[in-house]
Amino acid sequence: MSDFNYAHKNTKNGERTTATAPFNQPRINAELSAVREEAFKREIPVSDDETLCFLQTLVSSLQPEKILELGSAVGVSGAAMLFVCGKAELVSIERDENFYNEAKNNFLKLGLEERVKLIHGDAGEEIKKLDGEFDFIFLDCAKVQYIKYLPRLKELLKKGGVLVADDVLLFGYVTGETETPKKRKMLVEHIKEYISAVTEDKELLTTVLDVGNGVAVSVKL
């Protein structure tokens, strides 16, 4: 990477850390910023500045009307996307009951409840029940399931739509930059399967970017 890119990845104790530059700041209001900061303090897995800024930039450019999110957590990324897509509606799925309840309260507090269909359940089961097509899909749930969910997500993705999978470089384990701990080896193999699948799929055009902890961006041709 060039010296200009302040989002330089470093490895520390086997995990990648990101030094975020002032220009990698997401466009969120004070209320959502407070929710996000509280989530960070509690070590809830919400997007870092670089990833959230990238996500907002992408959806702002595309202006999708229907967004699907797998892995709501407490609603930060979903709300951030809606803030820059004035007409978008969001379907967001969360398996953890506590996160689901927090996300529900946060969407209400942020005045977004009418634009969100929040679903409590297993993403793999819930996506089977969905109807219609989505312009944009953000995949940020259990990484080991990415490859399993891909066929159904392709069906749900509109032609010309975009699928973004988060955390696909996994602290440098996937690229070999960092040695993979034994307990993570199976997870790394599943992520590699996903990356191979989306990059080799003739119906998708995919690039993997060193943003945050790695994102795979796929466009349905």
Foldseek 3Di string as FASTA:
>chain_A
DDPVPQQDWDADPLFTDGDDDPVLAADDDPLLVVVVVVCVVVVFDDFDSQVLSVLCVVCLVVLWAEEEEEACQQPNSVVSNCVSRVRHAYEYEHADPVSLVNNCVSCVVVVNNVRYDYYHHDPQVVLVVDDAATQEYEYEDQLLCLVVCVVSNLVRHDQQHKYKYPLLCPRVCLVVPGPDDPVCPSSSVSSVVNVCCQVPDPQWPWDWDPTRNIMIMIHGD
